[in-house]
């Protein structure tokens, strides 16, 4: 009997998936990729990224890695120009206290602007001029997004100069557009230059909790030394040099607690071998009057 050969059914092949860039940017990318120099640019850019990664693994020279990043940035800028990519949104993270309107002005980039016109370094520089911003990270994410990540300063103390009160961070930077009354629980430093030495004095006082609980304000005197003003009205005068040792010696003395609760106006710790105590006017008057028990 003759053998009948069955025809095999033709295999149906799935259509090839369009390249990633085509899926992202559509026909504009397809048309652009037909241009030889665009293909070459993208190829060089990817080569730069690979080279940069290899250098990182091998502990390569920073200068070479920097050049590779610049090459990649340049090639992508060329591609963005050909594709006419434009900014569609600005995403901000890390903002708690920074004024949104001030931030918008400092970013200085309008929606719809060409991506090639967005200078991320300039944007970062302007954003970091805002007092609340300690540092900022700014980058473009293709095809249409500007990402801004803020690291804001942390309120650290209240600084009084003359009759004005300001919220400052640990470096003494004045944080604008915030009511100091929202942060009444922060340490209070007073006087010109006190803001620049705020971390120094708060650390010094915090080392002695029994003293810290009684401190109402740390006053900077002629930008040379500190006086601690206590809630009961007593002033502790610290020396210009060796303030930490002087306060530690006083806090560790058994007589310190008695003095702080006595009718004294100030305790001068500026001498290494002795303290000078000024009584309140009322107590001093009683002592001067004969026949009165003291």
C-alpha atoms as a PDB file:
ATOM      1  CA  UNK A   1       0.000   0.000   0.000  1.00  0.00           C
ATOM      2  CA  UNK A   2       1.434   3.354  -0.908  1.00  0.00           C
ATOM      3  CA  UNK A   3       2.502   5.493   2.021  1.00  0.00           C
ATOM      4  CA  UNK A   4       0.727   8.803   2.343  1.00  0.00           C
ATOM      5  CA  UNK A   5       2.890  11.570   3.781  1.00  0.00           C
ATOM      6  CA  UNK A   6       1.049  14.093   5.871  1.00  0.00           C
ATOM      7  CA  UNK A   7       2.008  17.652   5.450  1.00  0.00           C
ATOM      8  CA  UNK A   8       3.254  19.176   8.628  1.00  0.00           C
ATOM      9  CA  UNK A   9       1.388  22.269   9.691  1.00  0.00           C
ATOM     10  CA  UNK A  10       3.412  25.430   9.342  1.00  0.00           C
ATOM     11  CA  UNK A  11       4.755  26.665  12.662  1.00  0.00           C
ATOM     12  CA  UNK A  12       3.327  29.916  13.850  1.00  0.00           C
ATOM     13  CA  UNK A  13       6.112  32.105  15.212  1.00  0.00           C
ATOM     14  CA  UNK A  14       5.408  34.811  17.722  1.00  0.00           C
ATOM     15  CA  UNK A  15       6.072  38.291  16.499  1.00  0.00           C
ATOM     16  CA  UNK A  16       9.355  39.583  17.863  1.00  0.00           C
ATOM     17  CA  UNK A  17       8.946  41.842  20.869  1.00  0.00           C
ATOM     18  CA  UNK A  18       9.857  45.424  20.032  1.00  0.00           C
ATOM     19  CA  UNK A  19      13.073  46.683  21.538  1.00  0.00           C
ATOM     20  CA  UNK A  20      12.946  48.300  24.981  1.00  0.00           C
ATOM     21  CA  UNK A  21      13.606  51.814  23.710  1.00  0.00           C
ATOM     22  CA  UNK A  22      10.879  51.416  21.096  1.00  0.00           C
ATOM     23  CA  UNK A  23       8.411  50.361  23.774  1.00  0.00           C
ATOM     24  CA  UNK A  24       9.345  53.393  25.828  1.00  0.00           C
ATOM     25  CA  UNK A  25       9.334  56.039  23.152  1.00  0.00           C
ATOM     26  CA  UNK A  26       7.300  54.540  20.305  1.00  0.00           C
ATOM     27  CA  UNK A  27       7.751  55.503  16.684  1.00  0.00           C
ATOM     28  CA  UNK A  28       9.961  58.469  17.456  1.00  0.00           C
ATOM     29  CA  UNK A  29      12.646  56.088  18.643  1.00  0.00           C
ATOM     30  CA  UNK A  30      12.160  53.800  15.653  1.00  0.00           C
ATOM     31  CA  UNK A  31      12.645  56.690  13.262  1.00  0.00           C
ATOM     32  CA  UNK A  32      15.610  57.981  15.231  1.00  0.00           C
ATOM     33  CA  UNK A  33      17.308  54.591  15.309  1.00  0.00           C
ATOM     34  CA  UNK A  34      17.363  54.562  11.517  1.00  0.00           C
ATOM     35  CA  UNK A  35      19.948  57.318  11.789  1.00  0.00           C
ATOM     36  CA  UNK A  36      23.398  55.840  11.931  1.00  0.00           C
ATOM     37  CA  UNK A  37      24.883  58.393  14.321  1.00  0.00           C
ATOM     38  CA  UNK A  38      22.099  57.828  16.857  1.00  0.00           C
ATOM     39  CA  UNK A  39      22.753  54.094  16.878  1.00  0.00           C
ATOM     40  CA  UNK A  40      26.442  54.773  17.270  1.00  0.00           C
ATOM     41  CA  UNK A  41      25.785  57.239  20.131  1.00  0.00           C
ATOM     42  CA  UNK A  42      23.627  54.805  22.052  1.00  0.00           C
ATOM     43  CA  UNK A  43      26.164  52.075  21.494  1.00  0.00           C
ATOM     44  CA  UNK A  44      28.973  54.238  22.793  1.00  0.00           C
ATOM     45  CA  UNK A  45      26.854  55.221  25.776  1.00  0.00           C
ATOM     46  CA  UNK A  46      26.161  51.623  26.738  1.00  0.00           C
ATOM     47  CA  UNK A  47      29.826  50.848  26.243  1.00  0.00           C
ATOM     48  CA  UNK A  48      30.690  53.661  28.617  1.00  0.00           C
ATOM     49  CA  UNK A  49      28.335  52.275  31.263  1.00  0.00           C
ATOM     50  CA  UNK A  50      29.869  48.800  30.953  1.00  0.00           C
ATOM     51  CA  UNK A  51      33.354  50.258  31.176  1.00  0.00           C
ATOM     52  CA  UNK A  52      32.397  52.264  34.235  1.00  0.00           C
ATOM     53  CA  UNK A  53      30.990  49.187  35.960  1.00  0.00           C
ATOM     54  CA  UNK A  54      34.114  47.159  35.173  1.00  0.00           C
ATOM     55  CA  UNK A  55      36.336  49.905  36.536  1.00  0.00           C
ATOM     56  CA  UNK A  56      34.296  49.983  39.736  1.00  0.00           C
ATOM     57  CA  UNK A  57      34.719  46.224  40.180  1.00  0.00           C
ATOM     58  CA  UNK A  58      38.432  46.401  39.533  1.00  0.00           C
ATOM     59  CA  UNK A  59      38.946  49.498  41.655  1.00  0.00           C
ATOM     60  CA  UNK A  60      39.641  51.640  38.590  1.00  0.00           C
ATOM     61  CA  UNK A  61      40.764  55.229  38.508  1.00  0.00           C
ATOM     62  CA  UNK A  62      38.098  57.762  39.454  1.00  0.00           C
ATOM     63  CA  UNK A  63      39.063  60.021  36.588  1.00  0.00           C
ATOM     64  CA  UNK A  64      38.351  57.329  33.996  1.00  0.00           C
ATOM     65  CA  UNK A  65      34.994  56.534  35.609  1.00  0.00           C
ATOM     66  CA  UNK A  66      34.167  60.241  35.604  1.00  0.00           C
ATOM     67  CA  UNK A  67      34.977  60.479  31.891  1.00  0.00           C
ATOM     68  CA  UNK A  68      32.796  57.452  31.191  1.00  0.00           C
ATOM     69  CA  UNK A  69      29.860  59.028  32.988  1.00  0.00           C
ATOM     70  CA  UNK A  70      30.318  62.240  31.030  1.00  0.00           C
ATOM     71  CA  UNK A  71      30.423  60.279  27.776  1.00  0.00           C
ATOM     72  CA  UNK A  72      27.180  58.482  28.647  1.00  0.00           C
ATOM     73  CA  UNK A  73      25.536  61.757  29.635  1.00  0.00           C
ATOM     74  CA  UNK A  74      26.586  63.378  26.382  1.00  0.00           C
ATOM     75  CA  UNK A  75      25.271  60.560  24.221  1.00  0.00           C
ATOM     76  CA  UNK A  76      21.937  60.479  26.029  1.00  0.00           C
ATOM     77  CA  UNK A  77      21.590  64.244  25.657  1.00  0.00           C
ATOM     78  CA  UNK A  78      22.065  63.840  21.910  1.00  0.00           C
ATOM     79  CA  UNK A  79      19.436  61.118  21.809  1.00  0.00           C
ATOM     80  CA  UNK A  80      17.034  63.229  23.887  1.00  0.00           C
ATOM     81  CA  UNK A  81      17.527  66.099  21.466  1.00  0.00           C
ATOM     82  CA  UNK A  82      16.704  63.968  18.435  1.00  0.00           C
ATOM     83  CA  UNK A  83      13.654  62.468  20.153  1.00  0.00           C
ATOM     84  CA  UNK A  84      12.497  65.903  21.359  1.00  0.00           C
ATOM     85  CA  UNK A  85      11.937  64.585  24.891  1.00  0.00           C
ATOM     86  CA  UNK A  86      10.281  67.095  27.209  1.00  0.00           C
ATOM     87  CA  UNK A  87       9.774  67.393  30.939  1.00  0.00           C
ATOM     88  CA  UNK A  88       6.352  66.156  32.022  1.00  0.00           C
ATOM     89  CA  UNK A  89       6.659  65.973  35.811  1.00  0.00           C
ATOM     90  CA  UNK A  90       8.863  66.841  38.785  1.00  0.00           C
ATOM     91  CA  UNK A  91       8.832  64.406  41.721  1.00  0.00           C
ATOM     92  CA  UNK A  92      10.150  65.536  45.129  1.00  0.00           C
ATOM     93  CA  UNK A  93      10.911  63.288  48.100  1.00  0.00           C
ATOM     94  CA  UNK A  94      12.129  64.146  51.590  1.00  0.00           C
ATOM     95  CA  UNK A  95      10.276  67.465  51.884  1.00  0.00           C
ATOM     96  CA  UNK A  96       8.851  68.195  55.319  1.00  0.00           C
ATOM     97  CA  UNK A  97       9.568  71.843  56.153  1.00  0.00           C
ATOM     98  CA  UNK A  98      10.814  73.322  52.879  1.00  0.00           C
ATOM     99  CA  UNK A  99       8.352  75.844  51.470  1.00  0.00           C
ATOM    100  CA  UNK A 100       6.897  74.280  48.271  1.00  0.00           C
ATOM    101  CA  UNK A 101       6.563  77.600  46.448  1.00  0.00           C
ATOM    102  CA  UNK A 102      10.159  78.551  47.245  1.00  0.00           C
ATOM    103  CA  UNK A 103      11.270  75.110  46.094  1.00  0.00           C
ATOM    104  CA  UNK A 104       9.432  75.543  42.790  1.00  0.00           C
ATOM    105  CA  UNK A 105      11.132  78.883  42.212  1.00  0.00           C
ATOM    106  CA  UNK A 106      14.571  77.467  43.010  1.00  0.00           C
ATOM    107  CA  UNK A 107      14.099  74.478  40.702  1.00  0.00           C
ATOM    108  CA  UNK A 108      13.457  77.017  37.959  1.00  0.00           C
ATOM    109  CA  UNK A 109      12.386  74.510  35.299  1.00  0.00           C
ATOM    110  CA  UNK A 110       8.987  74.619  33.619  1.00  0.00           C
ATOM    111  CA  UNK A 111       6.912  71.606  32.644  1.00  0.00           C
ATOM    112  CA  UNK A 112       7.213  71.111  28.897  1.00  0.00           C
ATOM    113  CA  UNK A 113      10.826  72.263  28.743  1.00  0.00           C
ATOM    114  CA  UNK A 114      13.169  70.140  26.586  1.00  0.00           C
ATOM    115  CA  UNK A 115      15.165  67.685  28.674  1.00  0.00           C
ATOM    116  CA  UNK A 116      18.315  68.993  27.050  1.00  0.00           C
ATOM    117  CA  UNK A 117      17.589  72.368  28.680  1.00  0.00           C
ATOM    118  CA  UNK A 118      17.472  70.886  32.202  1.00  0.00           C
ATOM    119  CA  UNK A 119      20.852  71.335  33.916  1.00  0.00           C
ATOM    120  CA  UNK A 120      20.636  69.029  36.935  1.00  0.00           C
ATOM    121  CA  UNK A 121      23.791  70.467  38.511  1.00  0.00           C
ATOM    122  CA  UNK A 122      22.412  73.991  38.335  1.00  0.00           C
ATOM    123  CA  UNK A 123      19.076  72.813  39.740  1.00  0.00           C
ATOM    124  CA  UNK A 124      20.824  71.116  42.665  1.00  0.00           C
ATOM    125  CA  UNK A 125      22.921  74.211  43.355  1.00  0.00           C
ATOM    126  CA  UNK A 126      19.838  76.425  43.472  1.00  0.00           C
ATOM    127  CA  UNK A 127      17.849  74.005  45.635  1.00  0.00           C
ATOM    128  CA  UNK A 128      20.696  73.728  48.159  1.00  0.00           C
ATOM    129  CA  UNK A 129      20.557  77.504  48.645  1.00  0.00           C
ATOM    130  CA  UNK A 130      17.282  77.016  50.560  1.00  0.00           C
ATOM    131  CA  UNK A 131      18.072  77.228  54.274  1.00  0.00           C
ATOM    132  CA  UNK A 132      16.090  74.095  55.160  1.00  0.00           C
ATOM    133  CA  UNK A 133      17.941  71.968  52.575  1.00  0.00           C
ATOM    134  CA  UNK A 134      21.181  70.427  53.804  1.00  0.00           C
ATOM    135  CA  UNK A 135      21.775  68.518  50.566  1.00  0.00           C
ATOM    136  CA  UNK A 136      19.867  67.531  47.442  1.00  0.00           C
ATOM    137  CA  UNK A 137      20.093  64.824  44.805  1.00  0.00           C
ATOM    138  CA  UNK A 138      18.760  65.766  41.362  1.00  0.00           C
ATOM    139  CA  UNK A 139      18.539  63.491  38.326  1.00  0.00           C
ATOM    140  CA  UNK A 140      16.613  63.021  35.120  1.00  0.00           C
ATOM    141  CA  UNK A 141      14.736  59.795  34.500  1.00  0.00           C
ATOM    142  CA  UNK A 142      13.843  59.134  30.879  1.00  0.00           C
ATOM    143  CA  UNK A 143      11.601  59.779  29.207  1.00  0.00           C
ATOM    144  CA  UNK A 144      10.112  62.783  31.019  1.00  0.00           C
ATOM    145  CA  UNK A 145      10.777  62.976  34.784  1.00  0.00           C
ATOM    146  CA  UNK A 146      12.960  65.108  37.068  1.00  0.00           C
ATOM    147  CA  UNK A 147      13.589  63.471  40.457  1.00  0.00           C
ATOM    148  CA  UNK A 148      14.618  65.611  43.441  1.00  0.00           C
ATOM    149  CA  UNK A 149      15.508  64.007  46.779  1.00  0.00           C
ATOM    150  CA  UNK A 150      15.933  66.420  49.705  1.00  0.00           C
ATOM    151  CA  UNK A 151      17.909  65.925  52.905  1.00  0.00           C
ATOM    152  CA  UNK A 152      16.503  68.580  55.213  1.00  0.00           C
ATOM    153  CA  UNK A 153      18.214  70.125  58.205  1.00  0.00           C
ATOM    154  CA  UNK A 154      17.031  69.138  61.677  1.00  0.00           C
ATOM    155  CA  UNK A 155      15.963  71.865  64.136  1.00  0.00           C
ATOM    156  CA  UNK A 156      18.497  71.770  66.960  1.00  0.00           C
ATOM    157  CA  UNK A 157      18.093  74.893  69.095  1.00  0.00           C
ATOM    158  CA  UNK A 158      16.479  78.308  69.447  1.00  0.00           C
ATOM    159  CA  UNK A 159      18.840  81.243  68.971  1.00  0.00           C
ATOM    160  CA  UNK A 160      17.958  84.602  70.500  1.00  0.00           C
ATOM    161  CA  UNK A 161      19.829  87.659  69.277  1.00  0.00           C
ATOM    162  CA  UNK A 162      18.555  90.986  70.600  1.00  0.00           C
ATOM    163  CA  UNK A 163      14.778  90.444  70.689  1.00  0.00           C
ATOM    164  CA  UNK A 164      14.563  88.097  67.730  1.00  0.00           C
ATOM    165  CA  UNK A 165      14.242  84.322  67.995  1.00  0.00           C
ATOM    166  CA  UNK A 166      15.348  81.915  65.264  1.00  0.00           C
ATOM    167  CA  UNK A 167      15.307  78.143  64.824  1.00  0.00           C
ATOM    168  CA  UNK A 168      18.795  76.848  63.954  1.00  0.00           C
ATOM    169  CA  UNK A 169      20.338  73.489  63.131  1.00  0.00           C
ATOM    170  CA  UNK A 170      23.402  71.987  64.833  1.00  0.00           C
ATOM    171  CA  UNK A 171      25.707  73.964  62.530  1.00  0.00           C
ATOM    172  CA  UNK A 172      24.028  77.229  63.475  1.00  0.00           C
ATOM    173  CA  UNK A 173      22.259  77.722  60.145  1.00  0.00           C
ATOM    174  CA  UNK A 174      19.126  79.828  60.600  1.00  0.00           C
ATOM    175  CA  UNK A 175      16.065  78.002  59.297  1.00  0.00           C
ATOM    176  CA  UNK A 176      13.693  80.469  57.701  1.00  0.00           C
ATOM    177  CA  UNK A 177       9.922  80.321  57.234  1.00  0.00           C
ATOM    178  CA  UNK A 178       9.278  78.559  60.534  1.00  0.00           C
ATOM    179  CA  UNK A 179       7.769  79.853  63.776  1.00  0.00           C
ATOM    180  CA  UNK A 180      10.186  79.349  66.666  1.00  0.00           C
ATOM    181  CA  UNK A 181       7.227  78.833  69.006  1.00  0.00           C
ATOM    182  CA  UNK A 182       6.690  75.440  67.348  1.00  0.00           C
ATOM    183  CA  UNK A 183      10.010  74.314  68.835  1.00  0.00           C
ATOM    184  CA  UNK A 184       9.906  75.705  72.376  1.00  0.00           C
ATOM    185  CA  UNK A 185      11.315  72.473  73.779  1.00  0.00           C
ATOM    186  CA  UNK A 186      14.681  72.995  72.083  1.00  0.00           C
ATOM    187  CA  UNK A 187      17.701  74.409  73.973  1.00  0.00           C
ATOM    188  CA  UNK A 188      17.928  78.202  74.022  1.00  0.00           C
ATOM    189  CA  UNK A 189      21.200  79.988  73.216  1.00  0.00           C
ATOM    190  CA  UNK A 190      21.534  83.751  73.440  1.00  0.00           C
ATOM    191  CA  UNK A 191      23.866  86.340  71.972  1.00  0.00           C
ATOM    192  CA  UNK A 192      25.973  87.101  68.923  1.00  0.00           C
ATOM    193  CA  UNK A 193      27.969  84.059  67.805  1.00  0.00           C
ATOM    194  CA  UNK A 194      26.014  81.671  70.027  1.00  0.00           C
ATOM    195  CA  UNK A 195      24.525  79.953  66.989  1.00  0.00           C
ATOM    196  CA  UNK A 196      27.959  78.964  65.679  1.00  0.00           C
ATOM    197  CA  UNK A 197      28.944  77.310  68.989  1.00  0.00           C
ATOM    198  CA  UNK A 198      25.579  75.765  69.813  1.00  0.00           C
ATOM    199  CA  UNK A 199      26.638  72.131  69.518  1.00  0.00           C
ATOM    200  CA  UNK A 200      29.651  72.769  71.742  1.00  0.00           C
ATOM    201  CA  UNK A 201      27.622  74.141  74.659  1.00  0.00           C
ATOM    202  CA  UNK A 202      24.723  71.687  74.387  1.00  0.00           C
ATOM    203  CA  UNK A 203      27.124  68.729  74.482  1.00  0.00           C
ATOM    204  CA  UNK A 204      28.959  70.249  77.440  1.00  0.00           C
ATOM    205  CA  UNK A 205      25.769  70.750  79.455  1.00  0.00           C
ATOM    206  CA  UNK A 206      24.253  67.392  78.457  1.00  0.00           C
ATOM    207  CA  UNK A 207      27.215  65.650  80.101  1.00  0.00           C
ATOM    208  CA  UNK A 208      25.769  66.726  83.485  1.00  0.00           C
ATOM    209  CA  UNK A 209      22.037  65.909  83.590  1.00  0.00           C
ATOM    210  CA  UNK A 210      21.622  67.367  87.100  1.00  0.00           C
ATOM    211  CA  UNK A 211      22.786  70.737  85.719  1.00  0.00           C
ATOM    212  CA  UNK A 212      21.067  70.377  82.340  1.00  0.00           C
ATOM    213  CA  UNK A 213      17.632  70.071  83.968  1.00  0.00           C
ATOM    214  CA  UNK A 214      18.077  73.487  85.558  1.00  0.00           C
ATOM    215  CA  UNK A 215      19.433  75.410  82.551  1.00  0.00           C
ATOM    216  CA  UNK A 216      17.020  77.882  81.004  1.00  0.00           C
ATOM    217  CA  UNK A 217      19.479  79.417  78.518  1.00  0.00           C
ATOM    218  CA  UNK A 218      23.142  79.428  77.560  1.00  0.00           C
ATOM    219  CA  UNK A 219      24.327  83.000  77.031  1.00  0.00           C
ATOM    220  CA  UNK A 220      27.333  83.751  74.844  1.00  0.00           C
ATOM    221  CA  UNK A 221      29.325  86.624  76.412  1.00  0.00           C
ATOM    222  CA  UNK A 222      31.259  88.798  73.937  1.00  0.00           C
ATOM    223  CA  UNK A 223      31.579  85.686  71.766  1.00  0.00           C
ATOM    224  CA  UNK A 224      34.300  84.466  74.125  1.00  0.00           C
ATOM    225  CA  UNK A 225      32.721  82.401  76.890  1.00  0.00           C
ATOM    226  CA  UNK A 226      29.408  81.056  78.236  1.00  0.00           C
ATOM    227  CA  UNK A 227      27.146  81.870  81.164  1.00  0.00           C
ATOM    228  CA  UNK A 228      24.463  79.334  82.051  1.00  0.00           C
ATOM    229  CA  UNK A 229      21.262  80.997  83.244  1.00  0.00           C
ATOM    230  CA  UNK A 230      19.234  78.656  85.452  1.00  0.00           C
ATOM    231  CA  UNK A 231      15.476  78.585  85.942  1.00  0.00           C
ATOM    232  CA  UNK A 232      15.832  79.723  89.578  1.00  0.00           C
ATOM    233  CA  UNK A 233      17.687  82.871  88.486  1.00  0.00           C
ATOM    234  CA  UNK A 234      21.225  81.723  89.304  1.00  0.00           C
ATOM    235  CA  UNK A 235      23.965  82.388  86.743  1.00  0.00           C
ATOM    236  CA  UNK A 236      26.885  79.971  86.335  1.00  0.00           C
ATOM    237  CA  UNK A 237      29.849  81.818  84.812  1.00  0.00           C
ATOM    238  CA  UNK A 238      32.094  79.475  82.809  1.00  0.00           C
ATOM    239  CA  UNK A 239      35.694  80.320  81.884  1.00  0.00           C
ATOM    240  CA  UNK A 240      36.829  81.098  78.356  1.00  0.00           C
ATOM    241  CA  UNK A 241      39.265  78.166  78.462  1.00  0.00           C
ATOM    242  CA  UNK A 242      38.570  74.877  80.201  1.00  0.00           C
ATOM    243  CA  UNK A 243      34.802  75.300  80.464  1.00  0.00           C
ATOM    244  CA  UNK A 244      34.204  71.540  80.384  1.00  0.00           C
ATOM    245  CA  UNK A 245      36.623  70.905  83.253  1.00  0.00           C
ATOM    246  CA  UNK A 246      35.192  73.767  85.312  1.00  0.00           C
ATOM    247  CA  UNK A 247      31.603  72.569  84.941  1.00  0.00           C
ATOM    248  CA  UNK A 248      32.578  68.953  85.627  1.00  0.00           C
ATOM    249  CA  UNK A 249      34.387  70.003  88.808  1.00  0.00           C
ATOM    250  CA  UNK A 250      31.383  71.980  90.015  1.00  0.00           C
ATOM    251  CA  UNK A 251      28.813  69.304  89.145  1.00  0.00           C
ATOM    252  CA  UNK A 252      30.840  66.652  90.976  1.00  0.00           C
ATOM    253  CA  UNK A 253      31.253  68.648  94.190  1.00  0.00           C
ATOM    254  CA  UNK A 254      28.903  67.793  97.092  1.00  0.00           C
ATOM    255  CA  UNK A 255      28.428  71.515  97.788  1.00  0.00           C
ATOM    256  CA  UNK A 256      27.071  72.224  94.300  1.00  0.00           C
ATOM    257  CA  UNK A 257      23.517  71.178  95.074  1.00  0.00           C
ATOM    258  CA  UNK A 258      23.401  73.288  98.243  1.00  0.00           C
ATOM    259  CA  UNK A 259      24.713  76.350  96.430  1.00  0.00           C
ATOM    260  CA  UNK A 260      22.226  76.020  93.590  1.00  0.00           C
ATOM    261  CA  UNK A 261      19.332  75.959  96.042  1.00  0.00           C
ATOM    262  CA  UNK A 262      20.673  78.796  98.222  1.00  0.00           C
ATOM    263  CA  UNK A 263      19.868  82.492  97.952  1.00  0.00           C
ATOM    264  CA  UNK A 264      22.658  83.250  95.503  1.00  0.00           C
ATOM    265  CA  UNK A 265      22.634  85.362  92.369  1.00  0.00           C
ATOM    266  CA  UNK A 266      25.631  83.964  90.569  1.00  0.00           C
ATOM    267  CA  UNK A 267      28.426  81.432  90.926  1.00  0.00           C
ATOM    268  CA  UNK A 268      31.669  82.306  89.165  1.00  0.00           C
ATOM    269  CA  UNK A 269      33.615  79.221  88.031  1.00  0.00           C
ATOM    270  CA  UNK A 270      36.294  81.092  86.098  1.00  0.00           C
ATOM    271  CA  UNK A 271      39.049  80.475  88.654  1.00  0.00           C
ATOM    272  CA  UNK A 272      40.571  77.005  88.720  1.00  0.00           C
ATOM    273  CA  UNK A 273      41.077  76.766  92.497  1.00  0.00           C
ATOM    274  CA  UNK A 274      38.010  78.561  93.890  1.00  0.00           C
ATOM    275  CA  UNK A 275      34.483  79.729  93.236  1.00  0.00           C
ATOM    276  CA  UNK A 276      33.151  83.205  93.811  1.00  0.00           C
ATOM    277  CA  UNK A 277      29.551  83.431  94.964  1.00  0.00           C
ATOM    278  CA  UNK A 278      27.378  86.530  94.816  1.00  0.00           C
ATOM    279  CA  UNK A 279      24.384  86.513  97.143  1.00  0.00           C
ATOM    280  CA  UNK A 280      21.006  87.902  96.217  1.00  0.00           C
ATOM    281  CA  UNK A 281      20.549  91.544  97.301  1.00  0.00           C
ATOM    282  CA  UNK A 282      18.025  90.527  99.965  1.00  0.00           C
ATOM    283  CA  UNK A 283      20.332  87.953 101.544  1.00  0.00           C
ATOM    284  CA  UNK A 284      23.315  90.292 101.395  1.00  0.00           C
ATOM    285  CA  UNK A 285      21.291  92.994 103.168  1.00  0.00           C
ATOM    286  CA  UNK A 286      20.313  90.611 105.934  1.00  0.00           C
ATOM    287  CA  UNK A 287      23.949  89.685 106.497  1.00  0.00           C
ATOM    288  CA  UNK A 288      25.027  93.321 106.673  1.00  0.00           C
ATOM    289  CA  UNK A 289      22.357  94.237 109.260  1.00  0.00           C
ATOM    290  CA  UNK A 290      23.656  93.596 112.797  1.00  0.00           C
ATOM    291  CA  UNK A 291      21.608  91.554 115.185  1.00  0.00           C
ATOM    292  CA  UNK A 292      19.963  89.477 112.447  1.00  0.00           C
ATOM    293  CA  UNK A 293      20.380  85.706 112.255  1.00  0.00           C
ATOM    294  CA  UNK A 294      21.661  84.445 108.942  1.00  0.00           C
END
